N, C-alpha and C. Protein backbone atom coordinates (compact mmCIF):
# COMPACT_ATOMS: atom_id res chain seq x y z
N MET A 1 89.27 120.93 111.97
CA MET A 1 89.95 119.75 112.43
C MET A 1 89.04 118.57 112.52
N ALA A 2 89.51 117.38 112.12
CA ALA A 2 88.65 116.21 112.14
C ALA A 2 88.21 115.83 113.57
N GLU A 3 87.01 115.29 113.58
CA GLU A 3 86.48 114.89 114.86
C GLU A 3 87.21 113.77 115.49
N THR A 4 87.52 113.88 116.80
CA THR A 4 88.33 112.85 117.46
C THR A 4 87.59 111.58 117.60
N ASN A 5 88.20 110.55 117.11
CA ASN A 5 87.58 109.11 117.19
C ASN A 5 88.47 108.28 118.08
N LEU A 6 87.94 107.91 119.29
CA LEU A 6 88.74 107.05 120.22
C LEU A 6 88.53 105.60 119.93
N ILE A 7 88.66 104.76 120.86
CA ILE A 7 88.79 103.32 120.66
C ILE A 7 87.53 102.70 120.00
N ASP A 8 87.68 102.01 118.97
CA ASP A 8 86.61 101.28 118.34
C ASP A 8 86.33 100.03 119.07
N PRO A 9 85.02 99.89 119.64
CA PRO A 9 84.74 98.67 120.50
C PRO A 9 84.31 97.47 119.70
N ALA A 10 84.31 97.58 118.42
CA ALA A 10 83.73 96.46 117.60
C ALA A 10 84.47 95.11 117.73
N VAL A 11 85.78 95.23 118.03
CA VAL A 11 86.64 94.04 118.17
C VAL A 11 86.11 93.18 119.41
N ALA A 12 85.61 93.83 120.44
CA ALA A 12 85.19 93.13 121.63
C ALA A 12 84.01 92.21 121.36
N ALA A 13 83.20 92.48 120.34
CA ALA A 13 82.04 91.64 120.02
C ALA A 13 82.36 90.49 119.13
N ALA A 14 83.50 90.44 118.53
CA ALA A 14 83.88 89.38 117.63
C ALA A 14 84.36 88.12 118.41
N GLN A 15 84.08 86.92 117.79
CA GLN A 15 84.50 85.67 118.42
C GLN A 15 85.97 85.49 118.20
N THR A 16 86.69 85.10 119.30
CA THR A 16 88.07 84.91 119.18
C THR A 16 88.44 83.60 118.39
N ARG A 17 89.69 83.52 118.00
CA ARG A 17 90.17 82.31 117.27
C ARG A 17 90.02 81.09 118.13
N SER A 18 90.45 81.22 119.37
CA SER A 18 90.41 80.07 120.30
C SER A 18 88.99 79.55 120.57
N GLN A 19 87.93 80.55 120.63
CA GLN A 19 86.64 80.20 120.81
C GLN A 19 86.09 79.38 119.65
N LYS A 20 86.44 79.84 118.46
CA LYS A 20 86.06 79.14 117.17
C LYS A 20 86.68 77.71 117.16
N SER A 21 87.90 77.57 117.63
CA SER A 21 88.53 76.31 117.71
C SER A 21 87.84 75.40 118.72
N GLY A 22 87.46 75.98 119.86
CA GLY A 22 86.78 75.22 120.83
C GLY A 22 85.41 74.64 120.39
N VAL A 23 84.69 75.43 119.59
CA VAL A 23 83.35 75.02 119.08
C VAL A 23 83.62 73.83 118.11
N SER A 24 84.73 73.97 117.21
CA SER A 24 85.00 73.00 116.23
C SER A 24 85.43 71.68 116.93
N LEU A 25 86.27 71.86 118.02
CA LEU A 25 86.67 70.66 118.88
C LEU A 25 85.54 69.91 119.42
N ALA A 26 84.55 70.70 119.94
CA ALA A 26 83.43 70.06 120.63
C ALA A 26 82.54 69.23 119.61
N ALA A 27 82.46 69.80 118.38
CA ALA A 27 81.74 69.08 117.34
C ALA A 27 82.43 67.78 116.94
N ASP A 28 83.78 67.84 116.81
CA ASP A 28 84.54 66.66 116.40
C ASP A 28 84.48 65.65 117.57
N LEU A 29 84.49 66.08 118.83
CA LEU A 29 84.48 65.16 119.94
C LEU A 29 83.08 64.42 120.03
N ASP A 30 82.05 65.20 119.75
CA ASP A 30 80.68 64.64 119.75
C ASP A 30 80.58 63.57 118.69
N SER A 31 81.19 63.87 117.48
CA SER A 31 81.12 62.92 116.33
C SER A 31 81.90 61.64 116.77
N PHE A 32 83.05 61.88 117.35
CA PHE A 32 83.92 60.71 117.74
C PHE A 32 83.22 59.86 118.82
N LEU A 33 82.60 60.42 119.79
CA LEU A 33 81.93 59.68 120.84
C LEU A 33 80.69 58.92 120.27
N LEU A 34 79.99 59.56 119.30
CA LEU A 34 78.93 58.90 118.64
C LEU A 34 79.35 57.68 117.89
N LEU A 35 80.47 57.82 117.11
CA LEU A 35 81.03 56.71 116.36
C LEU A 35 81.49 55.66 117.31
N LEU A 36 82.13 56.01 118.39
CA LEU A 36 82.69 55.04 119.41
C LEU A 36 81.58 54.24 119.97
N THR A 37 80.49 54.92 120.45
CA THR A 37 79.35 54.12 121.08
C THR A 37 78.64 53.24 120.12
N THR A 38 78.63 53.71 118.89
CA THR A 38 77.98 52.84 117.79
C THR A 38 78.82 51.55 117.60
N GLN A 39 80.16 51.79 117.53
CA GLN A 39 81.08 50.62 117.38
C GLN A 39 80.98 49.64 118.55
N LEU A 40 80.91 50.22 119.84
CA LEU A 40 80.79 49.35 121.01
C LEU A 40 79.49 48.52 120.98
N LYS A 41 78.41 49.13 120.51
CA LYS A 41 77.09 48.47 120.41
C LYS A 41 77.14 47.30 119.50
N HIS A 42 77.90 47.44 118.41
CA HIS A 42 77.87 46.45 117.37
C HIS A 42 79.15 45.56 117.28
N GLN A 43 79.97 45.68 118.30
CA GLN A 43 81.21 44.85 118.28
C GLN A 43 80.88 43.35 118.40
N ASP A 44 81.87 42.64 117.98
CA ASP A 44 81.77 41.16 118.05
C ASP A 44 82.14 40.78 119.49
N PRO A 45 81.31 40.12 120.24
CA PRO A 45 81.70 39.73 121.58
C PRO A 45 82.92 38.87 121.63
N LEU A 46 83.19 38.12 120.58
CA LEU A 46 84.28 37.22 120.58
C LEU A 46 85.57 37.92 120.14
N SER A 47 85.44 39.11 119.59
CA SER A 47 86.60 39.89 119.23
C SER A 47 86.33 41.35 119.54
N PRO A 48 86.36 41.70 120.82
CA PRO A 48 86.10 43.10 121.22
C PRO A 48 87.15 44.09 120.74
N LEU A 49 86.75 45.35 120.67
CA LEU A 49 87.58 46.45 120.17
C LEU A 49 88.73 46.66 121.15
N GLU A 50 89.88 46.94 120.59
CA GLU A 50 91.11 47.17 121.35
C GLU A 50 90.96 48.55 121.95
N PRO A 51 90.97 48.68 123.32
CA PRO A 51 90.71 49.93 123.95
C PRO A 51 91.82 51.00 123.86
N THR A 52 93.08 50.43 123.49
CA THR A 52 94.15 51.42 123.55
C THR A 52 94.03 52.54 122.49
N GLU A 53 93.44 52.04 121.31
CA GLU A 53 93.34 53.09 120.23
C GLU A 53 92.40 54.20 120.54
N PHE A 54 91.16 53.86 120.94
CA PHE A 54 90.27 55.00 121.21
C PHE A 54 90.66 55.76 122.54
N THR A 55 91.34 55.06 123.53
CA THR A 55 91.76 55.70 124.69
C THR A 55 92.81 56.82 124.27
N GLY A 56 93.69 56.39 123.36
CA GLY A 56 94.79 57.31 122.80
C GLY A 56 94.06 58.53 122.11
N GLN A 57 93.01 58.29 121.44
CA GLN A 57 92.28 59.43 120.68
C GLN A 57 91.65 60.36 121.68
N LEU A 58 91.09 59.77 122.82
CA LEU A 58 90.51 60.59 123.82
C LEU A 58 91.50 61.45 124.58
N VAL A 59 92.69 60.94 124.75
CA VAL A 59 93.85 61.63 125.33
C VAL A 59 94.26 62.78 124.38
N GLN A 60 94.30 62.51 123.09
CA GLN A 60 94.58 63.61 122.22
C GLN A 60 93.56 64.72 122.19
N PHE A 61 92.25 64.35 122.26
CA PHE A 61 91.22 65.39 122.39
C PHE A 61 91.42 66.23 123.63
N ALA A 62 91.72 65.60 124.71
CA ALA A 62 91.93 66.32 125.96
C ALA A 62 93.17 67.28 125.84
N SER A 63 94.23 66.73 125.20
CA SER A 63 95.40 67.56 125.10
C SER A 63 95.13 68.88 124.19
N VAL A 64 94.31 68.59 123.06
CA VAL A 64 93.93 69.77 122.23
C VAL A 64 93.04 70.71 123.00
N GLU A 65 92.15 70.17 123.78
CA GLU A 65 91.24 71.04 124.51
C GLU A 65 92.01 71.88 125.53
N GLN A 66 93.03 71.30 126.15
CA GLN A 66 93.84 72.02 127.09
C GLN A 66 94.65 73.23 126.35
N GLN A 67 95.17 72.87 125.17
CA GLN A 67 95.90 73.88 124.39
C GLN A 67 94.97 74.95 123.99
N ILE A 68 93.74 74.69 123.61
CA ILE A 68 92.86 75.72 123.22
C ILE A 68 92.53 76.65 124.40
N ALA A 69 92.40 76.09 125.59
CA ALA A 69 92.12 76.83 126.81
C ALA A 69 93.29 77.77 127.12
N THR A 70 94.57 77.25 126.87
CA THR A 70 95.75 78.10 127.07
C THR A 70 95.76 79.21 126.07
N ASN A 71 95.38 78.96 124.78
CA ASN A 71 95.38 80.00 123.77
C ASN A 71 94.30 81.08 124.09
N ASP A 72 93.22 80.60 124.64
CA ASP A 72 92.15 81.49 125.04
C ASP A 72 92.65 82.47 126.10
N HIS A 73 93.36 81.90 127.15
CA HIS A 73 93.93 82.71 128.18
C HIS A 73 94.93 83.71 127.63
N MET A 74 95.74 83.22 126.67
CA MET A 74 96.71 84.10 126.07
C MET A 74 96.08 85.25 125.32
N GLU A 75 95.04 84.96 124.60
CA GLU A 75 94.27 86.05 123.79
C GLU A 75 93.71 86.97 124.78
N GLN A 76 93.17 86.57 125.92
CA GLN A 76 92.65 87.41 126.96
C GLN A 76 93.71 88.39 127.44
N LEU A 77 94.89 87.82 127.72
CA LEU A 77 95.99 88.60 128.21
C LEU A 77 96.43 89.61 127.16
N VAL A 78 96.49 89.25 125.91
CA VAL A 78 96.89 90.17 124.86
C VAL A 78 95.82 91.27 124.75
N ASN A 79 94.53 90.94 124.82
CA ASN A 79 93.49 91.98 124.72
C ASN A 79 93.60 92.95 125.88
N ILE A 80 93.88 92.43 127.08
CA ILE A 80 94.04 93.31 128.24
C ILE A 80 95.19 94.28 128.04
N GLN A 81 96.31 93.66 127.58
CA GLN A 81 97.50 94.42 127.32
C GLN A 81 97.30 95.47 126.26
N ASN A 82 96.54 95.19 125.11
CA ASN A 82 96.26 96.18 124.10
C ASN A 82 95.39 97.26 124.66
N ALA A 83 94.38 96.84 125.44
CA ALA A 83 93.50 97.91 126.06
C ALA A 83 94.24 98.80 126.96
N SER A 84 95.11 98.20 127.76
CA SER A 84 96.02 99.10 128.65
C SER A 84 96.89 100.03 127.82
N LEU A 85 97.41 99.51 126.73
CA LEU A 85 98.30 100.27 125.87
C LEU A 85 97.50 101.38 125.27
N ALA A 86 96.33 101.06 124.78
CA ALA A 86 95.46 102.11 124.16
C ALA A 86 95.12 103.20 125.10
N SER A 87 94.85 102.78 126.36
CA SER A 87 94.44 103.77 127.40
C SER A 87 95.70 104.69 127.65
N SER A 88 96.91 104.11 127.65
CA SER A 88 98.08 104.87 127.90
C SER A 88 98.48 105.95 126.80
N ILE A 89 98.01 105.60 125.51
CA ILE A 89 98.38 106.48 124.44
C ILE A 89 97.20 107.39 124.02
N ILE A 90 96.19 107.42 124.79
CA ILE A 90 95.03 108.26 124.49
C ILE A 90 95.56 109.72 124.51
N GLY A 91 96.61 109.98 125.35
CA GLY A 91 97.15 111.31 125.41
C GLY A 91 97.77 111.81 124.17
N PHE A 92 98.06 110.88 123.25
CA PHE A 92 98.67 111.30 121.93
C PHE A 92 97.64 112.00 121.10
N VAL A 93 96.36 111.81 121.34
CA VAL A 93 95.32 112.39 120.52
C VAL A 93 95.47 114.00 120.61
N GLY A 94 95.54 114.56 119.45
CA GLY A 94 95.67 116.03 119.39
C GLY A 94 97.15 116.50 119.20
N THR A 95 98.01 115.50 119.16
CA THR A 95 99.48 115.83 118.84
C THR A 95 99.77 115.56 117.45
N ASP A 96 100.98 116.05 117.00
CA ASP A 96 101.39 115.73 115.67
C ASP A 96 102.48 114.67 115.69
N VAL A 97 102.44 113.74 114.72
CA VAL A 97 103.44 112.67 114.67
C VAL A 97 104.10 112.64 113.34
N GLU A 98 105.31 112.11 113.33
CA GLU A 98 106.08 111.91 112.15
C GLU A 98 106.26 110.32 112.08
N ALA A 99 105.97 109.71 111.00
CA ALA A 99 106.08 108.27 110.86
C ALA A 99 106.57 107.81 109.56
N GLU A 100 107.22 106.59 109.52
CA GLU A 100 107.82 106.09 108.34
C GLU A 100 106.83 105.09 107.76
N VAL A 101 105.80 105.54 107.02
CA VAL A 101 104.78 104.75 106.38
C VAL A 101 104.60 105.33 105.01
N ASN A 102 103.88 104.52 104.14
CA ASN A 102 103.76 104.99 102.71
C ASN A 102 102.36 105.58 102.44
N GLN A 103 101.63 106.03 103.56
CA GLN A 103 100.40 106.75 103.46
C GLN A 103 100.50 108.10 104.18
N VAL A 104 100.01 109.12 103.51
CA VAL A 104 100.01 110.50 104.13
C VAL A 104 98.58 110.96 104.33
N PRO A 105 98.26 111.44 105.58
CA PRO A 105 96.89 112.01 105.77
C PRO A 105 96.81 113.42 105.17
N LEU A 106 95.71 113.55 104.45
CA LEU A 106 95.23 114.84 103.98
C LEU A 106 94.25 115.38 105.06
N GLN A 107 94.62 116.38 105.76
CA GLN A 107 93.85 116.90 106.83
C GLN A 107 93.67 118.42 106.69
N ASP A 108 92.46 118.89 106.68
CA ASP A 108 92.14 120.26 106.43
C ASP A 108 92.75 120.74 105.10
N GLY A 109 92.65 119.89 104.11
CA GLY A 109 93.15 120.27 102.73
C GLY A 109 94.64 120.30 102.61
N GLU A 110 95.46 119.74 103.59
CA GLU A 110 96.92 119.84 103.37
C GLU A 110 97.57 118.50 103.85
N ALA A 111 98.54 118.11 103.19
CA ALA A 111 99.27 116.90 103.51
C ALA A 111 100.80 117.24 103.46
N ASN A 112 101.56 116.62 104.33
CA ASN A 112 103.00 117.01 104.39
C ASN A 112 103.88 115.71 104.60
N PHE A 113 104.86 115.64 103.85
CA PHE A 113 105.78 114.52 103.98
C PHE A 113 107.22 114.93 103.55
N THR A 114 108.20 114.13 104.04
CA THR A 114 109.52 114.43 103.80
C THR A 114 110.13 113.16 103.07
N TYR A 115 110.93 113.41 102.08
CA TYR A 115 111.64 112.17 101.44
C TYR A 115 113.11 112.47 101.46
N THR A 116 113.85 111.45 101.70
CA THR A 116 115.29 111.52 101.81
C THR A 116 115.98 110.64 100.77
N LEU A 117 116.82 111.26 99.99
CA LEU A 117 117.53 110.56 98.91
C LEU A 117 118.90 110.24 99.40
N SER A 118 119.38 109.00 99.07
CA SER A 118 120.67 108.51 99.64
C SER A 118 121.80 109.14 98.77
N ASN A 119 121.52 109.43 97.55
CA ASN A 119 122.54 110.07 96.64
C ASN A 119 121.84 111.02 95.72
N ASN A 120 122.60 111.76 94.95
CA ASN A 120 122.04 112.61 93.94
C ASN A 120 121.39 111.71 92.86
N ALA A 121 120.21 112.22 92.37
CA ALA A 121 119.47 111.44 91.41
C ALA A 121 119.46 112.13 90.08
N LYS A 122 119.21 111.29 89.03
CA LYS A 122 119.11 111.87 87.72
C LYS A 122 117.74 112.38 87.53
N ASN A 123 116.75 111.80 88.15
CA ASN A 123 115.37 112.14 88.11
C ASN A 123 114.68 111.67 89.33
N VAL A 124 113.59 112.28 89.79
CA VAL A 124 112.75 111.87 90.99
C VAL A 124 111.24 112.15 90.58
N VAL A 125 110.42 111.13 90.77
CA VAL A 125 108.99 111.30 90.48
C VAL A 125 108.22 111.13 91.70
N LEU A 126 107.36 112.09 92.09
CA LEU A 126 106.55 112.01 93.32
C LEU A 126 105.20 111.64 92.80
N THR A 127 104.53 110.70 93.47
CA THR A 127 103.17 110.25 93.04
C THR A 127 102.26 110.14 94.21
N ILE A 128 101.11 110.66 94.17
CA ILE A 128 100.13 110.60 95.23
C ILE A 128 98.89 109.97 94.67
N SER A 129 98.39 108.85 95.21
CA SER A 129 97.25 108.21 94.69
C SER A 129 96.23 107.84 95.81
N ASP A 130 95.05 107.55 95.48
CA ASP A 130 93.92 107.14 96.45
C ASP A 130 94.00 105.61 96.65
N ASP A 131 93.07 105.11 97.47
CA ASP A 131 93.21 103.66 97.77
C ASP A 131 92.74 102.80 96.67
N LYS A 132 92.17 103.41 95.61
CA LYS A 132 91.82 102.59 94.37
C LYS A 132 92.86 102.70 93.23
N GLY A 133 93.94 103.39 93.58
CA GLY A 133 95.04 103.53 92.63
C GLY A 133 94.87 104.63 91.65
N ASN A 134 93.85 105.51 91.87
CA ASN A 134 93.74 106.70 90.96
C ASN A 134 94.81 107.77 91.33
N ILE A 135 95.50 108.20 90.31
CA ILE A 135 96.58 109.20 90.52
C ILE A 135 95.97 110.55 90.86
N MET A 136 96.33 111.10 92.04
CA MET A 136 95.83 112.47 92.44
C MET A 136 96.91 113.48 92.01
N LEU A 137 98.16 113.09 92.07
CA LEU A 137 99.22 114.13 91.77
C LEU A 137 100.46 113.37 91.32
N THR A 138 101.12 113.88 90.32
CA THR A 138 102.47 113.38 89.93
C THR A 138 103.28 114.57 89.55
N LYS A 139 104.55 114.53 90.16
CA LYS A 139 105.36 115.77 89.97
C LYS A 139 106.83 115.44 90.11
N ALA A 140 107.61 116.17 89.41
CA ALA A 140 109.09 115.96 89.53
C ALA A 140 109.54 116.51 90.91
N GLY A 141 110.32 115.68 91.54
CA GLY A 141 110.89 116.03 92.86
C GLY A 141 112.27 116.65 92.82
N GLU A 142 112.79 116.94 94.01
CA GLU A 142 114.18 117.48 94.11
C GLU A 142 115.13 116.29 93.90
N ARG A 143 116.35 116.61 93.31
CA ARG A 143 117.20 115.52 92.89
C ARG A 143 118.48 115.43 93.67
N THR A 144 118.75 116.42 94.59
CA THR A 144 119.96 116.35 95.38
C THR A 144 119.76 115.43 96.55
N ALA A 145 120.91 114.83 97.06
CA ALA A 145 120.95 113.95 98.21
C ALA A 145 120.46 114.74 99.41
N GLY A 146 119.76 113.97 100.42
CA GLY A 146 119.35 114.59 101.59
C GLY A 146 117.83 114.65 101.79
N ASP A 147 117.35 115.46 102.75
CA ASP A 147 115.98 115.65 103.01
C ASP A 147 115.26 116.68 102.18
N HIS A 148 114.12 116.36 101.76
CA HIS A 148 113.28 117.29 100.98
C HIS A 148 111.84 117.24 101.51
N GLU A 149 111.29 118.40 101.82
CA GLU A 149 109.93 118.47 102.31
C GLU A 149 108.96 118.79 101.19
N PHE A 150 107.84 118.10 101.24
CA PHE A 150 106.78 118.42 100.20
C PHE A 150 105.43 118.59 100.87
N VAL A 151 104.76 119.68 100.45
CA VAL A 151 103.41 119.96 100.96
C VAL A 151 102.37 119.87 99.83
N TRP A 152 101.43 119.01 100.01
CA TRP A 152 100.38 118.88 98.95
C TRP A 152 99.10 119.66 99.43
N ASP A 153 98.60 120.42 98.49
CA ASP A 153 97.43 121.26 98.81
C ASP A 153 96.07 120.54 98.62
N GLY A 154 96.15 119.25 98.39
CA GLY A 154 94.88 118.56 98.26
C GLY A 154 94.16 118.63 97.00
N LYS A 155 94.87 119.07 95.97
CA LYS A 155 94.23 119.17 94.67
C LYS A 155 94.78 118.15 93.72
N ASN A 156 93.86 117.58 92.91
CA ASN A 156 94.32 116.44 91.99
C ASN A 156 94.84 117.03 90.68
N VAL A 157 95.13 116.19 89.70
CA VAL A 157 95.80 116.65 88.42
C VAL A 157 94.84 117.54 87.69
N ASN A 158 93.61 117.57 87.97
CA ASN A 158 92.63 118.48 87.30
C ASN A 158 92.41 119.73 88.02
N GLY A 159 93.14 119.94 89.21
CA GLY A 159 92.93 121.16 89.99
C GLY A 159 91.79 121.12 90.88
N GLN A 160 91.11 119.99 91.00
CA GLN A 160 90.01 119.81 91.90
C GLN A 160 90.42 119.40 93.33
N THR A 161 89.76 119.94 94.32
CA THR A 161 90.08 119.64 95.69
C THR A 161 89.51 118.26 96.05
N VAL A 162 90.30 117.35 96.57
CA VAL A 162 89.86 116.03 96.95
C VAL A 162 89.55 115.92 98.43
N PRO A 163 88.77 115.04 98.84
CA PRO A 163 88.38 114.97 100.26
C PRO A 163 89.54 114.58 101.15
N ASP A 164 89.46 114.99 102.39
CA ASP A 164 90.42 114.58 103.41
C ASP A 164 90.43 113.07 103.57
N GLY A 165 91.58 112.50 104.02
CA GLY A 165 91.70 111.06 104.18
C GLY A 165 93.14 110.63 103.97
N GLY A 166 93.30 109.32 103.79
CA GLY A 166 94.63 108.74 103.64
C GLY A 166 94.90 108.52 102.16
N TYR A 167 96.14 108.90 101.73
CA TYR A 167 96.53 108.79 100.36
C TYR A 167 97.93 108.11 100.34
N HIS A 168 98.12 107.37 99.36
CA HIS A 168 99.37 106.61 99.20
C HIS A 168 100.47 107.53 98.52
N VAL A 169 101.67 107.47 99.02
CA VAL A 169 102.79 108.26 98.57
C VAL A 169 103.84 107.38 97.97
N SER A 170 104.33 107.71 96.80
CA SER A 170 105.45 107.02 96.13
C SER A 170 106.49 107.94 95.69
N VAL A 171 107.71 107.68 96.11
CA VAL A 171 108.84 108.56 95.69
C VAL A 171 109.79 107.61 94.85
N THR A 172 109.92 107.89 93.56
CA THR A 172 110.66 106.96 92.72
C THR A 172 111.86 107.73 92.13
N PRO A 173 113.12 107.47 92.68
CA PRO A 173 114.32 108.11 92.20
C PRO A 173 114.91 107.30 91.11
N ILE A 174 115.50 107.99 90.10
CA ILE A 174 116.24 107.30 89.00
C ILE A 174 117.69 107.78 89.13
N GLY A 175 118.49 106.81 89.48
CA GLY A 175 119.94 107.11 89.76
C GLY A 175 120.75 107.15 88.47
N PHE A 176 122.00 107.68 88.60
CA PHE A 176 122.92 107.65 87.46
C PHE A 176 123.49 106.24 87.37
N THR A 177 124.03 105.88 86.22
CA THR A 177 124.49 104.53 85.98
C THR A 177 125.40 103.91 87.12
N ASP A 178 126.34 104.78 87.59
CA ASP A 178 127.26 104.24 88.61
C ASP A 178 126.88 104.69 90.02
N SER A 179 125.66 105.20 90.26
CA SER A 179 125.29 105.68 91.56
C SER A 179 123.84 105.42 91.83
N PRO A 180 123.47 104.19 92.34
CA PRO A 180 122.06 103.88 92.67
C PRO A 180 121.51 104.78 93.82
N VAL A 181 120.24 105.04 93.71
CA VAL A 181 119.64 106.04 94.73
C VAL A 181 118.48 105.24 95.36
N THR A 182 118.33 105.38 96.68
CA THR A 182 117.18 104.92 97.40
C THR A 182 116.44 106.12 98.03
N ALA A 183 115.20 105.98 98.26
CA ALA A 183 114.44 107.02 98.90
C ALA A 183 113.62 106.52 100.13
N LYS A 184 113.62 107.32 101.19
CA LYS A 184 112.91 106.96 102.44
C LYS A 184 111.86 108.11 102.65
N VAL A 185 110.60 107.67 102.92
CA VAL A 185 109.56 108.65 103.05
C VAL A 185 109.10 108.68 104.53
N LYS A 186 109.00 109.91 105.05
CA LYS A 186 108.48 110.16 106.40
C LYS A 186 107.24 111.10 106.27
N VAL A 187 106.10 110.66 106.75
CA VAL A 187 104.84 111.47 106.66
C VAL A 187 104.58 112.11 108.00
N ARG A 188 103.82 113.19 107.96
CA ARG A 188 103.34 113.91 109.09
C ARG A 188 101.88 113.92 109.16
N GLY A 189 101.34 113.86 110.39
CA GLY A 189 99.88 113.85 110.47
C GLY A 189 99.45 114.25 111.94
N HIS A 190 98.24 114.70 112.08
CA HIS A 190 97.62 115.15 113.35
C HIS A 190 96.82 113.97 113.83
N VAL A 191 97.16 113.49 115.11
CA VAL A 191 96.47 112.37 115.63
C VAL A 191 95.09 112.61 116.07
N THR A 192 94.15 111.85 115.50
CA THR A 192 92.76 112.01 115.79
C THR A 192 92.14 110.85 116.61
N GLY A 193 92.90 109.82 116.85
CA GLY A 193 92.29 108.73 117.66
C GLY A 193 93.25 107.56 117.82
N VAL A 194 92.77 106.59 118.56
CA VAL A 194 93.54 105.35 118.75
C VAL A 194 92.60 104.23 118.20
N ASN A 195 93.20 103.24 117.42
CA ASN A 195 92.46 102.21 116.84
C ASN A 195 92.91 100.84 117.36
N MET A 196 92.01 99.91 117.72
CA MET A 196 92.36 98.63 118.28
C MET A 196 91.91 97.50 117.30
N GLU A 197 91.57 97.81 116.15
CA GLU A 197 90.97 96.81 115.23
C GLU A 197 92.00 95.59 115.05
N ASN A 198 91.35 94.35 115.05
CA ASN A 198 92.12 93.13 114.92
C ASN A 198 93.16 92.90 116.05
N GLY A 199 92.91 93.53 117.13
CA GLY A 199 93.73 93.35 118.35
C GLY A 199 95.03 94.08 118.34
N ASN A 200 95.24 94.92 117.22
CA ASN A 200 96.53 95.76 117.18
C ASN A 200 96.28 97.17 117.49
N THR A 201 97.00 97.72 118.40
CA THR A 201 96.82 99.11 118.79
C THR A 201 97.59 100.02 117.83
N MET A 202 96.81 100.95 117.19
CA MET A 202 97.58 101.80 116.24
C MET A 202 97.07 103.22 116.42
N ILE A 203 97.89 104.12 116.04
CA ILE A 203 97.49 105.65 116.03
C ILE A 203 96.74 105.92 114.77
N ASP A 204 95.66 106.69 114.92
CA ASP A 204 94.75 107.08 113.77
C ASP A 204 95.06 108.56 113.52
N ALA A 205 95.68 108.86 112.34
CA ALA A 205 95.93 110.20 111.93
C ALA A 205 95.10 110.55 110.77
N GLY A 206 93.96 111.03 110.94
CA GLY A 206 93.04 111.42 109.85
C GLY A 206 92.73 110.24 108.88
N GLY A 207 92.51 108.99 109.37
CA GLY A 207 92.24 107.86 108.55
C GLY A 207 93.40 106.98 108.20
N VAL A 208 94.59 107.50 108.50
CA VAL A 208 95.81 106.71 108.25
C VAL A 208 96.12 105.94 109.55
N MET A 209 96.17 104.64 109.50
CA MET A 209 96.52 103.83 110.64
C MET A 209 98.03 103.66 110.77
N ILE A 210 98.60 104.08 111.80
CA ILE A 210 100.05 104.05 111.93
C ILE A 210 100.49 103.11 113.12
N PRO A 211 101.23 102.00 112.83
CA PRO A 211 101.71 101.18 113.91
C PRO A 211 102.66 101.91 114.81
N LEU A 212 102.59 101.58 116.09
CA LEU A 212 103.41 102.31 117.03
C LEU A 212 104.93 102.24 116.72
N ASP A 213 105.42 101.13 116.19
CA ASP A 213 106.82 101.00 115.89
C ASP A 213 107.26 101.70 114.63
N LYS A 214 106.25 102.39 113.95
CA LYS A 214 106.65 103.22 112.79
C LYS A 214 106.67 104.65 113.13
N ILE A 215 106.25 105.09 114.33
CA ILE A 215 106.25 106.50 114.70
C ILE A 215 107.71 106.91 115.11
N LEU A 216 108.10 108.03 114.51
CA LEU A 216 109.52 108.49 114.60
C LEU A 216 109.56 109.62 115.75
N SER A 217 108.47 110.47 115.78
CA SER A 217 108.43 111.52 116.74
C SER A 217 107.00 111.95 117.03
N ILE A 218 106.80 112.57 118.17
CA ILE A 218 105.52 113.06 118.61
C ILE A 218 105.71 114.43 119.14
N LYS A 219 104.95 115.46 118.59
CA LYS A 219 105.15 116.81 119.03
C LYS A 219 103.86 117.49 119.28
N GLU A 220 103.87 118.58 120.07
CA GLU A 220 102.67 119.41 120.21
C GLU A 220 102.28 120.04 118.87
N PRO A 221 101.09 120.24 118.65
CA PRO A 221 100.68 120.80 117.31
C PRO A 221 101.11 122.20 117.18
N LYS A 222 101.33 122.64 115.90
CA LYS A 222 101.69 123.99 115.63
C LYS A 222 100.47 124.88 115.86
N THR A 223 100.59 125.99 116.45
CA THR A 223 99.47 126.87 116.75
C THR A 223 98.91 127.39 115.43
N GLY A 224 97.53 127.20 115.34
CA GLY A 224 96.83 127.79 114.21
C GLY A 224 96.90 126.82 112.95
N LEU A 225 97.57 125.71 113.00
CA LEU A 225 97.66 124.88 111.84
C LEU A 225 97.11 123.50 112.16
N GLY A 226 96.55 122.91 111.12
CA GLY A 226 96.04 121.52 111.30
C GLY A 226 97.23 120.51 111.49
N LEU A 227 98.37 120.88 111.05
CA LEU A 227 99.52 119.99 111.19
C LEU A 227 100.60 120.60 111.98
């Protein structure tokens, strides 16, 4: 079984969007004040600068600065919420999940997914590929309407065993002329961790990142099986 990988702390070290905006605003304000003081030094005493224009610009800077501070507080709240959410779903590690995503985790040399056909099909093509688009497996699928389970043994088209990890799944049904067919894919995987990259909390199933809203079910693992 894959080694459990809990929360990735790398996100905490990254500069937030509001912090970057604050730095940019400070530089713009410095430039504005430098330009303003230069103009005041060289203004015509008989025709002084109208104060309302640069006062309005200062008010705009203050307004933007306040908005950036609000955004920073919101980002902090979101990060706290995500951390709390991640802590609450740590208990999912070690369980089996079923999710509606287009990637299937190959774990301990086996991958499992179900595809559902809306109607009977003239033909169905199952394709599994890696993240570079290389075809690992292509096979004719079941053609009758309903649920069909498929188990991949982790071997490519040449009969070679490929490494564990996430692989893309495609189910392409070809319907009859008067009966279009759609296919829905549900993958299964063993939860190995929780990922908070980019501020989004997701379940990690053997390298496949699954958003929480895509999870359909969570179950205790089958005894003696990786899935």
